[in-house]
Amino acid sequence: MNGGGVGLFRSPKGSRSALIGALVVLGARGFPFRSGVGGDVGRAFNQDTPAAIKAQLPPNIPPPWTAGIQPINRENYWNAVACGKQGGERPLCVFYDAALCPNDDYTLAMFTPYKMVAYEVWRAVRQRQEPPTPSYSEAQRTRITVKLTPRPGAKNPLTAFAIKRAAATVKPATQSLDAGGGSFIFDFAPFQPNQPITLENGRQGAHAGLHS
């Protein structure tokens, strides 16, 4: 993942790697998650049963990126521009999070500085317009947003969301709960790709863990 973001959420480059810093939690379930591009990104588990669901990123997503979700810098900015210039229906470097963790309760989306840049370029290319030069300063101000949207018929409304890294629990800087789902904005430190993370969600008194 890159520095950063679903649908419209992806950490451009950050997003893919820490994933991709990805965080979608399955209501009363936990979603273990590993930072990195390609391969096994983690696994989701149901606290009520031992069954596990493996979350994976498609392998070999171009352009390559292995440095995790980062604040925007010149390297990942131009990598994100190259990502967007690929065009196509749904390039994996932009929409890597679309099928990251299939489950019955939520869809996961991530938005990162990288994704902001890549998506803006991709949208223009898809409309047969000249590729833009997205605002570097705006990308610098962009943090990581994790969005969980309930699927129709979902039975586990979200009440809280946090990241556990080693012994520390990191709550979002800001959050917005809406209709059983929510959007959660984090700074970059919890998504550094050098240590597993657990994404914890609460719903009606229960907690679910996600491991990266």
N, C-alpha and C. Protein backbone atom coordinates (compact mmCIF):
# COMPACT_ATOMS: atom_id res chain seq x y z
N MET A 1 0.82 -1.16 0.00
CA MET A 1 0.00 0.00 0.00
C MET A 1 0.86 1.22 0.00
N ASN A 2 0.30 2.22 -0.37
CA ASN A 2 1.07 3.42 -0.42
C ASN A 2 0.72 4.28 0.74
N GLY A 3 1.06 5.50 0.57
CA GLY A 3 0.76 6.40 1.63
C GLY A 3 -0.68 6.44 1.88
N GLY A 4 -1.36 5.87 1.37
CA GLY A 4 -2.64 5.92 1.59
C GLY A 4 -3.93 5.73 1.31
N GLY A 5 -5.70 4.97 0.90
CA GLY A 5 -6.94 4.76 0.78
C GLY A 5 -7.64 4.02 0.41
N VAL A 6 -11.27 3.65 -0.41
CA VAL A 6 -12.25 2.75 -0.84
C VAL A 6 -13.12 3.47 -1.75
N GLY A 7 -13.64 2.60 -2.69
CA GLY A 7 -14.34 3.39 -3.62
C GLY A 7 -13.45 4.57 -3.73
N LEU A 8 -13.73 5.51 -3.02
CA LEU A 8 -12.93 6.71 -3.11
C LEU A 8 -11.91 6.70 -2.01
N PHE A 9 -11.88 5.62 -1.24
CA PHE A 9 -10.97 5.59 -0.13
C PHE A 9 -9.78 4.71 -0.40
N ARG A 10 -8.65 5.25 -0.39
CA ARG A 10 -7.49 4.40 -0.50
C ARG A 10 -6.25 5.17 -0.18
N SER A 11 -5.33 4.61 0.43
CA SER A 11 -4.20 5.37 0.77
C SER A 11 -3.38 5.25 -0.41
N PRO A 12 -3.40 6.14 -1.21
CA PRO A 12 -2.76 5.98 -2.47
C PRO A 12 -1.72 5.00 -2.26
N LYS A 13 -0.55 5.26 -2.28
CA LYS A 13 0.37 4.21 -2.10
C LYS A 13 0.37 3.80 -0.68
N GLY A 14 0.19 4.67 0.18
CA GLY A 14 0.26 4.31 1.55
C GLY A 14 -0.87 3.43 1.90
N SER A 15 -1.92 3.60 1.26
CA SER A 15 -3.08 2.84 1.56
C SER A 15 -2.88 1.41 1.23
N ARG A 16 -2.29 1.13 0.14
CA ARG A 16 -2.17 -0.24 -0.26
C ARG A 16 -1.33 -1.01 0.70
N SER A 17 -0.29 -0.42 1.18
CA SER A 17 0.63 -1.16 1.96
C SER A 17 0.23 -1.35 3.36
N ALA A 18 -0.24 -0.37 3.99
CA ALA A 18 -0.58 -0.59 5.36
C ALA A 18 -1.94 -1.10 5.47
N LEU A 19 -2.59 -0.99 4.59
CA LEU A 19 -3.91 -1.49 4.49
C LEU A 19 -4.33 -2.19 5.43
N ILE A 20 -3.25 -1.49 4.33
CA ILE A 20 -3.37 -0.81 3.38
C ILE A 20 -3.98 0.13 4.14
N GLY A 21 -3.29 -0.43 5.30
CA GLY A 21 -3.75 0.00 6.48
C GLY A 21 -5.15 -0.24 6.57
N ALA A 22 -5.81 -1.25 6.07
CA ALA A 22 -7.21 -1.41 5.88
C ALA A 22 -7.99 -1.72 7.09
N LEU A 23 -9.15 -1.23 7.20
CA LEU A 23 -9.88 -1.49 8.39
C LEU A 23 -11.33 -1.71 8.18
N VAL A 24 -11.71 -2.79 7.90
CA VAL A 24 -13.12 -2.92 7.91
C VAL A 24 -13.42 -3.98 8.90
N VAL A 25 -14.32 -3.73 9.74
CA VAL A 25 -14.57 -4.71 10.75
C VAL A 25 -15.94 -5.29 10.58
N LEU A 26 -16.04 -6.52 10.91
CA LEU A 26 -17.27 -7.21 10.66
C LEU A 26 -18.16 -7.16 11.88
N GLY A 27 -18.67 -6.06 12.20
CA GLY A 27 -19.59 -5.99 13.31
C GLY A 27 -19.04 -6.66 14.52
N ALA A 28 -19.59 -7.78 14.88
CA ALA A 28 -19.11 -8.45 16.08
C ALA A 28 -17.92 -9.29 15.78
N ARG A 29 -17.34 -9.11 14.65
CA ARG A 29 -16.23 -9.94 14.27
C ARG A 29 -14.96 -9.13 14.25
N GLY A 30 -13.86 -9.82 14.20
CA GLY A 30 -12.59 -9.13 14.17
C GLY A 30 -11.95 -9.35 12.83
N PHE A 31 -11.08 -8.44 12.48
CA PHE A 31 -10.44 -8.54 11.17
C PHE A 31 -8.97 -8.35 11.30
N PRO A 32 -8.20 -9.45 11.39
CA PRO A 32 -6.78 -9.34 11.50
C PRO A 32 -6.26 -8.87 10.18
N PHE A 33 -5.22 -8.09 10.27
CA PHE A 33 -4.82 -7.44 9.05
C PHE A 33 -3.36 -7.16 9.00
N ARG A 34 -2.73 -7.48 7.93
CA ARG A 34 -1.29 -7.29 7.85
C ARG A 34 -0.93 -6.21 6.85
N SER A 35 0.04 -5.37 7.24
CA SER A 35 0.47 -4.33 6.33
C SER A 35 1.30 -4.93 5.23
N GLY A 36 1.16 -4.39 4.04
CA GLY A 36 2.01 -4.87 2.97
C GLY A 36 1.25 -4.90 1.68
N VAL A 37 1.99 -4.94 0.59
CA VAL A 37 1.34 -4.94 -0.70
C VAL A 37 1.32 -6.34 -1.23
N GLY A 38 0.16 -6.79 -1.66
CA GLY A 38 0.08 -8.09 -2.27
C GLY A 38 0.09 -9.19 -1.21
N GLY A 39 -0.33 -10.39 -1.62
CA GLY A 39 -0.25 -11.51 -0.71
C GLY A 39 -1.31 -11.43 0.39
N ASP A 40 -1.07 -12.19 1.44
CA ASP A 40 -2.02 -12.28 2.54
C ASP A 40 -1.96 -11.01 3.37
N VAL A 41 -3.04 -10.26 3.39
CA VAL A 41 -3.07 -9.01 4.14
C VAL A 41 -3.53 -9.26 5.56
N GLY A 42 -4.11 -10.36 5.83
CA GLY A 42 -4.60 -10.61 7.17
C GLY A 42 -5.73 -11.59 7.12
N ARG A 43 -6.46 -11.71 8.21
CA ARG A 43 -7.58 -12.62 8.20
C ARG A 43 -8.66 -12.08 9.11
N ALA A 44 -9.88 -12.37 8.76
CA ALA A 44 -10.99 -11.92 9.60
C ALA A 44 -11.48 -13.12 10.38
N PHE A 45 -11.84 -12.87 11.61
CA PHE A 45 -12.33 -13.99 12.39
C PHE A 45 -13.61 -13.62 13.10
N ASN A 46 -14.44 -14.60 13.29
CA ASN A 46 -15.69 -14.41 14.01
C ASN A 46 -15.46 -14.83 15.44
N GLN A 47 -15.77 -13.95 16.39
CA GLN A 47 -15.51 -14.29 17.77
C GLN A 47 -16.40 -15.43 18.25
N ASP A 48 -17.48 -15.67 17.56
CA ASP A 48 -18.40 -16.71 18.00
C ASP A 48 -18.02 -18.08 17.47
N THR A 49 -17.23 -18.14 16.43
CA THR A 49 -16.84 -19.41 15.84
C THR A 49 -15.37 -19.35 15.48
N PRO A 50 -14.72 -20.50 15.35
CA PRO A 50 -13.30 -20.52 15.02
C PRO A 50 -13.04 -20.30 13.53
N ALA A 51 -14.10 -20.21 12.74
CA ALA A 51 -13.89 -20.05 11.30
C ALA A 51 -13.16 -18.75 11.00
N ALA A 52 -12.28 -18.77 10.02
CA ALA A 52 -11.51 -17.58 9.67
C ALA A 52 -11.73 -17.23 8.21
N ILE A 53 -11.72 -15.95 7.94
CA ILE A 53 -11.82 -15.46 6.56
C ILE A 53 -10.53 -14.73 6.25
N LYS A 54 -9.82 -15.14 5.24
CA LYS A 54 -8.55 -14.48 4.92
C LYS A 54 -8.79 -13.27 4.04
N ALA A 55 -8.20 -12.17 4.45
CA ALA A 55 -8.28 -10.95 3.65
C ALA A 55 -7.01 -10.85 2.82
N GLN A 56 -7.15 -10.64 1.52
CA GLN A 56 -5.99 -10.62 0.66
C GLN A 56 -6.06 -9.47 -0.33
N LEU A 57 -4.88 -8.97 -0.65
CA LEU A 57 -4.77 -8.00 -1.74
C LEU A 57 -4.40 -8.74 -3.00
N PRO A 58 -4.85 -8.28 -4.15
CA PRO A 58 -4.41 -8.91 -5.40
C PRO A 58 -2.89 -8.78 -5.50
N PRO A 59 -2.21 -9.79 -6.01
CA PRO A 59 -0.75 -9.72 -6.12
C PRO A 59 -0.32 -8.80 -7.26
N ASN A 60 0.88 -8.28 -7.11
CA ASN A 60 1.54 -7.54 -8.20
C ASN A 60 0.71 -6.36 -8.72
N ILE A 61 0.25 -5.52 -7.80
CA ILE A 61 -0.52 -4.35 -8.20
C ILE A 61 0.44 -3.29 -8.76
N PRO A 62 0.26 -2.86 -10.01
CA PRO A 62 1.13 -1.82 -10.55
C PRO A 62 0.53 -0.43 -10.29
N PRO A 63 1.39 0.60 -10.14
CA PRO A 63 2.85 0.51 -9.99
C PRO A 63 3.21 -0.03 -8.61
N PRO A 64 4.35 -0.74 -8.49
CA PRO A 64 4.69 -1.38 -7.21
C PRO A 64 4.94 -0.37 -6.10
N TRP A 65 4.62 -0.79 -4.87
CA TRP A 65 4.86 0.06 -3.69
C TRP A 65 4.96 -0.84 -2.47
N THR A 66 5.98 -0.66 -1.65
CA THR A 66 6.17 -1.52 -0.49
C THR A 66 6.47 -0.73 0.78
N ALA A 67 6.26 0.58 0.77
CA ALA A 67 6.67 1.41 1.91
C ALA A 67 5.55 1.75 2.87
N GLY A 68 4.40 1.11 2.72
CA GLY A 68 3.32 1.36 3.67
C GLY A 68 2.57 2.64 3.41
N ILE A 69 1.60 2.92 4.27
CA ILE A 69 0.81 4.15 4.15
C ILE A 69 1.60 5.28 4.78
N GLN A 70 1.86 6.29 4.02
CA GLN A 70 2.68 7.40 4.47
C GLN A 70 1.99 8.73 4.21
N PRO A 71 2.45 9.78 4.90
CA PRO A 71 2.06 11.12 4.45
C PRO A 71 2.57 11.30 3.03
N ILE A 72 1.96 12.21 2.29
CA ILE A 72 2.39 12.39 0.91
C ILE A 72 3.81 12.94 0.87
N ASN A 73 4.59 12.46 -0.07
CA ASN A 73 5.91 12.99 -0.33
C ASN A 73 6.12 12.93 -1.84
N ARG A 74 7.24 13.42 -2.31
CA ARG A 74 7.42 13.50 -3.76
C ARG A 74 7.43 12.13 -4.41
N GLU A 75 7.98 11.15 -3.73
CA GLU A 75 8.04 9.80 -4.31
C GLU A 75 6.64 9.20 -4.45
N ASN A 76 5.88 9.17 -3.35
CA ASN A 76 4.58 8.51 -3.48
C ASN A 76 3.56 9.39 -4.22
N TYR A 77 3.78 10.70 -4.26
CA TYR A 77 2.91 11.57 -5.05
C TYR A 77 2.97 11.17 -6.53
N TRP A 78 4.17 11.07 -7.07
CA TRP A 78 4.30 10.75 -8.49
C TRP A 78 3.97 9.29 -8.78
N ASN A 79 4.14 8.44 -7.79
CA ASN A 79 3.70 7.06 -7.94
C ASN A 79 2.17 7.02 -8.04
N ALA A 80 1.50 7.84 -7.24
CA ALA A 80 0.04 7.91 -7.30
C ALA A 80 -0.44 8.47 -8.63
N VAL A 81 0.27 9.47 -9.16
CA VAL A 81 -0.08 10.02 -10.48
C VAL A 81 0.04 8.93 -11.53
N ALA A 82 1.12 8.14 -11.47
CA ALA A 82 1.30 7.04 -12.43
C ALA A 82 0.19 6.01 -12.29
N CYS A 83 -0.23 5.76 -11.06
CA CYS A 83 -1.34 4.84 -10.82
C CYS A 83 -2.59 5.34 -11.53
N GLY A 84 -2.94 6.60 -11.34
CA GLY A 84 -4.15 7.14 -11.94
C GLY A 84 -4.11 7.17 -13.45
N LYS A 85 -2.94 7.35 -14.02
CA LYS A 85 -2.81 7.43 -15.48
C LYS A 85 -3.06 6.09 -16.16
N GLN A 86 -3.12 5.00 -15.40
CA GLN A 86 -3.40 3.71 -16.02
C GLN A 86 -4.81 3.67 -16.61
N GLY A 87 -5.71 4.49 -16.04
CA GLY A 87 -7.07 4.47 -16.56
C GLY A 87 -7.74 3.13 -16.30
N GLY A 88 -8.62 2.74 -17.20
CA GLY A 88 -9.32 1.47 -17.04
C GLY A 88 -10.55 1.60 -16.15
N GLU A 89 -11.27 0.49 -16.01
CA GLU A 89 -12.54 0.49 -15.29
C GLU A 89 -12.33 0.71 -13.79
N ARG A 90 -11.52 -0.12 -13.17
CA ARG A 90 -11.26 -0.02 -11.73
C ARG A 90 -9.84 -0.50 -11.45
N PRO A 91 -8.85 0.34 -11.72
CA PRO A 91 -7.46 -0.10 -11.52
C PRO A 91 -7.22 -0.49 -10.06
N LEU A 92 -6.51 -1.61 -9.88
CA LEU A 92 -6.33 -2.14 -8.53
C LEU A 92 -5.53 -1.21 -7.63
N CYS A 93 -4.66 -0.40 -8.21
CA CYS A 93 -3.86 0.49 -7.37
C CYS A 93 -4.74 1.59 -6.75
N VAL A 94 -5.90 1.85 -7.33
CA VAL A 94 -6.84 2.82 -6.76
C VAL A 94 -7.88 2.12 -5.89
N PHE A 95 -8.42 1.02 -6.40
CA PHE A 95 -9.54 0.34 -5.73
C PHE A 95 -9.10 -0.97 -5.09
N TYR A 96 -7.92 -0.98 -4.55
CA TYR A 96 -7.39 -2.20 -3.94
C TYR A 96 -8.24 -2.68 -2.77
N ASP A 97 -8.96 -1.80 -2.14
CA ASP A 97 -9.70 -2.16 -0.95
C ASP A 97 -11.10 -2.71 -1.25
N ALA A 98 -11.48 -2.71 -2.52
CA ALA A 98 -12.86 -3.06 -2.88
C ALA A 98 -13.25 -4.47 -2.44
N ALA A 99 -12.32 -5.41 -2.53
CA ALA A 99 -12.62 -6.80 -2.18
C ALA A 99 -11.63 -7.33 -1.16
N LEU A 100 -11.13 -6.41 -0.34
CA LEU A 100 -10.10 -6.79 0.62
C LEU A 100 -10.59 -7.80 1.64
N CYS A 101 -11.78 -7.58 2.14
CA CYS A 101 -12.30 -8.45 3.19
C CYS A 101 -13.79 -8.71 2.99
N PRO A 102 -14.16 -9.59 2.09
CA PRO A 102 -15.58 -9.87 1.87
C PRO A 102 -16.23 -10.42 3.14
N ASN A 103 -17.37 -9.87 3.51
CA ASN A 103 -18.09 -10.35 4.69
C ASN A 103 -19.54 -9.92 4.58
N ASP A 104 -20.36 -10.44 5.50
CA ASP A 104 -21.81 -10.21 5.42
C ASP A 104 -22.26 -8.89 6.03
N ASP A 105 -21.39 -8.24 6.81
CA ASP A 105 -21.83 -7.09 7.59
C ASP A 105 -21.46 -5.74 7.00
N TYR A 106 -20.23 -5.60 6.49
CA TYR A 106 -19.75 -4.28 6.07
C TYR A 106 -18.97 -4.34 4.76
N THR A 107 -18.96 -3.22 4.08
CA THR A 107 -17.97 -3.00 3.03
C THR A 107 -16.95 -2.02 3.60
N LEU A 108 -15.71 -2.20 3.22
CA LEU A 108 -14.63 -1.36 3.73
C LEU A 108 -14.13 -0.42 2.66
N ALA A 109 -13.87 0.82 3.06
CA ALA A 109 -13.28 1.76 2.13
C ALA A 109 -12.22 2.55 2.88
N MET A 110 -11.16 2.89 2.16
CA MET A 110 -10.10 3.68 2.78
C MET A 110 -9.76 4.86 1.88
N PHE A 111 -9.46 5.96 2.51
CA PHE A 111 -9.04 7.15 1.76
C PHE A 111 -7.72 7.63 2.35
N THR A 112 -6.74 7.82 1.49
CA THR A 112 -5.43 8.25 1.95
C THR A 112 -4.93 9.36 1.03
N PRO A 113 -3.83 9.99 1.37
CA PRO A 113 -3.28 11.01 0.47
C PRO A 113 -2.99 10.43 -0.90
N TYR A 114 -2.44 9.22 -0.90
CA TYR A 114 -2.12 8.56 -2.17
C TYR A 114 -3.38 8.37 -3.01
N LYS A 115 -4.40 7.89 -2.35
CA LYS A 115 -5.64 7.62 -3.07
C LYS A 115 -6.27 8.90 -3.58
N MET A 116 -6.16 9.95 -2.80
CA MET A 116 -6.70 11.23 -3.24
C MET A 116 -6.09 11.65 -4.57
N VAL A 117 -4.77 11.53 -4.66
CA VAL A 117 -4.06 11.92 -5.88
C VAL A 117 -4.39 10.97 -7.02
N ALA A 118 -4.29 9.66 -6.75
CA ALA A 118 -4.51 8.66 -7.80
C ALA A 118 -5.94 8.73 -8.33
N TYR A 119 -6.91 8.90 -7.45
CA TYR A 119 -8.31 8.92 -7.88
C TYR A 119 -8.60 10.13 -8.75
N GLU A 120 -8.06 11.29 -8.38
CA GLU A 120 -8.31 12.50 -9.17
C GLU A 120 -7.75 12.35 -10.58
N VAL A 121 -6.55 11.79 -10.69
CA VAL A 121 -5.95 11.58 -12.00
C VAL A 121 -6.74 10.53 -12.78
N TRP A 122 -7.08 9.41 -12.12
CA TRP A 122 -7.81 8.34 -12.81
C TRP A 122 -9.15 8.84 -13.34
N ARG A 123 -9.87 9.63 -12.54
CA ARG A 123 -11.18 10.12 -12.97
C ARG A 123 -11.07 10.96 -14.23
N ALA A 124 -10.05 11.82 -14.30
CA ALA A 124 -9.86 12.64 -15.50
C ALA A 124 -9.50 11.78 -16.71
N VAL A 125 -8.59 10.84 -16.52
CA VAL A 125 -8.18 9.97 -17.62
C VAL A 125 -9.36 9.16 -18.13
N ARG A 126 -10.18 8.70 -17.21
CA ARG A 126 -11.35 7.90 -17.60
C ARG A 126 -12.33 8.74 -18.42
N GLN A 127 -12.37 10.04 -18.19
CA GLN A 127 -13.25 10.93 -18.93
C GLN A 127 -12.56 11.52 -20.17
N ARG A 128 -11.41 10.94 -20.52
CA ARG A 128 -10.64 11.34 -21.70
C ARG A 128 -10.19 12.80 -21.61
N GLN A 129 -9.87 13.22 -20.40
CA GLN A 129 -9.35 14.55 -20.18
C GLN A 129 -7.85 14.49 -19.92
N GLU A 130 -7.21 15.63 -20.03
CA GLU A 130 -5.78 15.69 -19.74
C GLU A 130 -5.55 15.38 -18.26
N PRO A 131 -4.59 14.50 -17.94
CA PRO A 131 -4.33 14.19 -16.53
C PRO A 131 -3.98 15.45 -15.74
N PRO A 132 -4.65 15.69 -14.62
CA PRO A 132 -4.38 16.89 -13.83
C PRO A 132 -3.15 16.71 -12.95
N THR A 133 -2.74 17.78 -12.32
CA THR A 133 -1.70 17.72 -11.30
C THR A 133 -2.39 18.04 -9.97
N PRO A 134 -2.82 17.02 -9.23
CA PRO A 134 -3.56 17.26 -7.99
C PRO A 134 -2.78 18.12 -7.00
N SER A 135 -3.51 18.81 -6.16
CA SER A 135 -2.90 19.72 -5.19
C SER A 135 -2.00 18.96 -4.22
N TYR A 136 -0.73 19.28 -4.25
CA TYR A 136 0.23 18.65 -3.34
C TYR A 136 -0.05 19.09 -1.90
N SER A 137 -0.37 20.36 -1.71
CA SER A 137 -0.62 20.86 -0.36
C SER A 137 -1.88 20.23 0.24
N GLU A 138 -2.89 20.01 -0.59
CA GLU A 138 -4.10 19.34 -0.08
C GLU A 138 -3.79 17.91 0.31
N ALA A 139 -2.99 17.23 -0.50
CA ALA A 139 -2.59 15.86 -0.18
C ALA A 139 -1.80 15.83 1.12
N GLN A 140 -0.98 16.84 1.37
CA GLN A 140 -0.22 16.90 2.62
C GLN A 140 -1.14 17.03 3.83
N ARG A 141 -2.28 17.67 3.64
CA ARG A 141 -3.22 17.85 4.76
C ARG A 141 -4.13 16.65 4.98
N THR A 142 -4.11 15.71 4.05
CA THR A 142 -5.02 14.57 4.10
C THR A 142 -4.50 13.47 5.02
N ARG A 143 -5.37 12.98 5.88
CA ARG A 143 -5.00 11.86 6.75
C ARG A 143 -5.69 10.58 6.25
N ILE A 144 -5.72 9.58 7.07
CA ILE A 144 -6.27 8.28 6.66
C ILE A 144 -7.70 8.13 7.18
N THR A 145 -8.62 7.91 6.26
CA THR A 145 -10.01 7.69 6.64
C THR A 145 -10.38 6.23 6.38
N VAL A 146 -10.94 5.61 7.36
CA VAL A 146 -11.48 4.25 7.20
C VAL A 146 -13.00 4.36 7.29
N LYS A 147 -13.66 3.85 6.28
CA LYS A 147 -15.12 3.94 6.25
C LYS A 147 -15.73 2.54 6.21
N LEU A 148 -16.67 2.28 7.11
CA LEU A 148 -17.39 1.01 7.15
C LEU A 148 -18.85 1.29 6.83
N THR A 149 -19.36 0.63 5.78
CA THR A 149 -20.74 0.82 5.36
C THR A 149 -21.50 -0.49 5.54
N PRO A 150 -22.57 -0.50 6.31
CA PRO A 150 -23.31 -1.75 6.52
C PRO A 150 -23.91 -2.27 5.22
N ARG A 151 -23.87 -3.56 5.06
CA ARG A 151 -24.55 -4.18 3.92
C ARG A 151 -26.04 -4.31 4.25
N PRO A 152 -26.87 -4.44 3.22
CA PRO A 152 -28.30 -4.64 3.48
C PRO A 152 -28.53 -5.85 4.38
N GLY A 153 -29.31 -5.67 5.41
CA GLY A 153 -29.60 -6.78 6.30
C GLY A 153 -28.55 -7.05 7.36
N ALA A 154 -27.49 -6.21 7.43
CA ALA A 154 -26.45 -6.41 8.43
C ALA A 154 -27.05 -6.35 9.83
N LYS A 155 -26.57 -7.21 10.73
CA LYS A 155 -27.16 -7.32 12.06
C LYS A 155 -26.22 -6.83 13.16
N ASN A 156 -25.09 -6.26 12.79
CA ASN A 156 -24.11 -5.84 13.79
C ASN A 156 -23.78 -4.36 13.63
N PRO A 157 -24.65 -3.47 14.08
CA PRO A 157 -24.38 -2.04 13.93
C PRO A 157 -23.12 -1.64 14.68
N LEU A 158 -22.35 -0.78 14.07
CA LEU A 158 -21.08 -0.33 14.63
C LEU A 158 -21.32 0.75 15.69
N THR A 159 -20.60 0.63 16.82
CA THR A 159 -20.72 1.64 17.86
C THR A 159 -19.39 2.30 18.19
N ALA A 160 -18.28 1.70 17.76
CA ALA A 160 -16.95 2.25 18.05
C ALA A 160 -15.94 1.60 17.13
N PHE A 161 -14.76 2.23 17.03
CA PHE A 161 -13.71 1.69 16.17
C PHE A 161 -12.37 2.21 16.66
N ALA A 162 -11.37 1.34 16.76
CA ALA A 162 -10.05 1.75 17.23
C ALA A 162 -9.00 0.80 16.65
N ILE A 163 -7.74 1.21 16.74
CA ILE A 163 -6.62 0.39 16.29
C ILE A 163 -5.78 0.01 17.50
N LYS A 164 -5.47 -1.26 17.64
CA LYS A 164 -4.60 -1.71 18.72
C LYS A 164 -3.25 -2.09 18.12
N ARG A 165 -2.20 -1.51 18.66
CA ARG A 165 -0.85 -1.75 18.16
C ARG A 165 0.02 -2.06 19.37
N ALA A 166 0.49 -3.30 19.47
CA ALA A 166 1.18 -3.76 20.67
C ALA A 166 0.25 -3.55 21.86
N ALA A 167 0.72 -2.83 22.88
CA ALA A 167 -0.12 -2.64 24.07
C ALA A 167 -0.96 -1.38 24.00
N ALA A 168 -0.78 -0.60 22.95
CA ALA A 168 -1.47 0.69 22.85
C ALA A 168 -2.73 0.57 22.00
N THR A 169 -3.78 1.25 22.43
CA THR A 169 -5.02 1.34 21.66
C THR A 169 -5.15 2.76 21.15
N VAL A 170 -5.25 2.91 19.84
CA VAL A 170 -5.31 4.24 19.21
C VAL A 170 -6.74 4.49 18.74
N LYS A 171 -7.35 5.50 19.31
CA LYS A 171 -8.69 5.88 18.87
C LYS A 171 -8.59 6.86 17.71
N PRO A 172 -9.60 6.93 16.87
CA PRO A 172 -9.54 7.88 15.75
C PRO A 172 -9.48 9.31 16.25
N ALA A 173 -8.80 10.15 15.47
CA ALA A 173 -8.75 11.57 15.81
C ALA A 173 -10.14 12.18 15.76
N THR A 174 -10.91 11.76 14.76
CA THR A 174 -12.31 12.15 14.66
C THR A 174 -13.10 10.96 14.13
N GLN A 175 -14.38 10.93 14.43
CA GLN A 175 -15.21 9.85 13.92
C GLN A 175 -16.64 10.34 13.72
N SER A 176 -17.34 9.62 12.85
CA SER A 176 -18.73 9.93 12.58
C SER A 176 -19.47 8.62 12.42
N LEU A 177 -20.38 8.31 13.33
CA LEU A 177 -21.19 7.11 13.25
C LEU A 177 -22.50 7.44 12.55
N ASP A 178 -22.91 6.54 11.65
CA ASP A 178 -24.12 6.83 10.88
C ASP A 178 -24.77 5.54 10.41
N ALA A 179 -26.01 5.32 10.83
CA ALA A 179 -26.82 4.20 10.34
C ALA A 179 -26.11 2.86 10.44
N GLY A 180 -25.47 2.61 11.56
CA GLY A 180 -24.83 1.32 11.77
C GLY A 180 -23.43 1.20 11.25
N GLY A 181 -22.92 2.25 10.57
CA GLY A 181 -21.55 2.25 10.07
C GLY A 181 -20.84 3.49 10.58
N GLY A 182 -19.80 3.91 9.85
CA GLY A 182 -19.13 5.12 10.28
C GLY A 182 -17.86 5.40 9.51
N SER A 183 -17.34 6.61 9.69
CA SER A 183 -16.08 7.04 9.10
C SER A 183 -15.14 7.42 10.23
N PHE A 184 -13.88 6.99 10.12
CA PHE A 184 -12.92 7.16 11.21
C PHE A 184 -11.61 7.67 10.63
N ILE A 185 -11.15 8.80 11.16
CA ILE A 185 -9.95 9.44 10.63
C ILE A 185 -8.79 9.23 11.61
N PHE A 186 -7.67 8.74 11.08
CA PHE A 186 -6.49 8.45 11.88
C PHE A 186 -5.28 9.19 11.33
N ASP A 187 -4.32 9.42 12.22
CA ASP A 187 -3.01 9.88 11.78
C ASP A 187 -2.24 8.67 11.25
N PHE A 188 -1.01 8.89 10.80
CA PHE A 188 -0.28 7.84 10.09
C PHE A 188 0.45 6.84 10.98
N ALA A 189 0.80 7.25 12.20
CA ALA A 189 1.64 6.41 13.05
C ALA A 189 1.12 4.98 13.24
N PRO A 190 -0.18 4.77 13.48
CA PRO A 190 -0.65 3.40 13.70
C PRO A 190 -0.50 2.49 12.48
N PHE A 191 -0.28 3.06 11.31
CA PHE A 191 -0.22 2.27 10.08
C PHE A 191 1.19 1.99 9.58
N GLN A 192 2.18 2.29 10.37
CA GLN A 192 3.54 1.98 9.95
C GLN A 192 3.65 0.48 9.72
N PRO A 193 4.25 0.08 8.59
CA PRO A 193 4.23 -1.34 8.21
C PRO A 193 5.31 -2.18 8.88
N ASN A 194 5.65 -1.86 10.13
CA ASN A 194 6.70 -2.62 10.82
C ASN A 194 6.17 -3.41 12.00
N GLN A 195 4.86 -3.46 12.16
CA GLN A 195 4.28 -4.17 13.29
C GLN A 195 2.82 -4.48 13.01
N PRO A 196 2.36 -5.66 13.42
CA PRO A 196 0.94 -5.99 13.22
C PRO A 196 0.04 -5.03 14.00
N ILE A 197 -1.15 -4.82 13.48
CA ILE A 197 -2.14 -4.02 14.19
C ILE A 197 -3.45 -4.81 14.28
N THR A 198 -4.23 -4.47 15.26
CA THR A 198 -5.54 -5.08 15.42
C THR A 198 -6.59 -3.97 15.30
N LEU A 199 -7.53 -4.17 14.45
CA LEU A 199 -8.61 -3.20 14.30
C LEU A 199 -9.79 -3.66 15.15
N GLU A 200 -10.17 -2.85 16.07
CA GLU A 200 -11.22 -3.24 17.00
C GLU A 200 -12.48 -2.40 16.74
N ASN A 201 -13.60 -3.09 16.64
CA ASN A 201 -14.85 -2.37 16.50
C ASN A 201 -15.77 -2.80 17.62
N GLY A 202 -16.65 -1.91 18.00
CA GLY A 202 -17.59 -2.24 19.05
C GLY A 202 -18.99 -2.22 18.48
N ARG A 203 -19.81 -3.10 18.95
CA ARG A 203 -21.22 -3.05 18.56
C ARG A 203 -22.01 -3.62 19.72
N GLN A 204 -22.85 -2.84 20.24
CA GLN A 204 -23.75 -3.23 21.32
C GLN A 204 -23.00 -3.99 22.40
N GLY A 205 -21.86 -3.44 22.81
CA GLY A 205 -21.12 -4.02 23.92
C GLY A 205 -20.10 -5.07 23.53
N ALA A 206 -20.07 -5.48 22.28
CA ALA A 206 -19.10 -6.48 21.86
C ALA A 206 -17.94 -5.83 21.15
N HIS A 207 -16.81 -6.51 21.10
CA HIS A 207 -15.65 -5.98 20.42
C HIS A 207 -15.13 -7.00 19.42
N ALA A 208 -14.60 -6.50 18.35
CA ALA A 208 -14.02 -7.38 17.35
C ALA A 208 -12.61 -6.92 17.10
N GLY A 209 -11.74 -7.86 16.82
CA GLY A 209 -10.36 -7.47 16.60
C GLY A 209 -9.95 -7.67 15.16
N LEU A 210 -9.06 -6.83 14.70
CA LEU A 210 -8.51 -6.96 13.36
C LEU A 210 -7.01 -6.97 13.49
N HIS A 211 -6.37 -7.91 12.91
CA HIS A 211 -4.93 -7.92 13.00
C HIS A 211 -4.33 -7.62 11.66
N SER A 212 -3.30 -6.76 11.64
CA SER A 212 -2.71 -6.48 10.36
C SER A 212 -1.54 -7.39 10.17
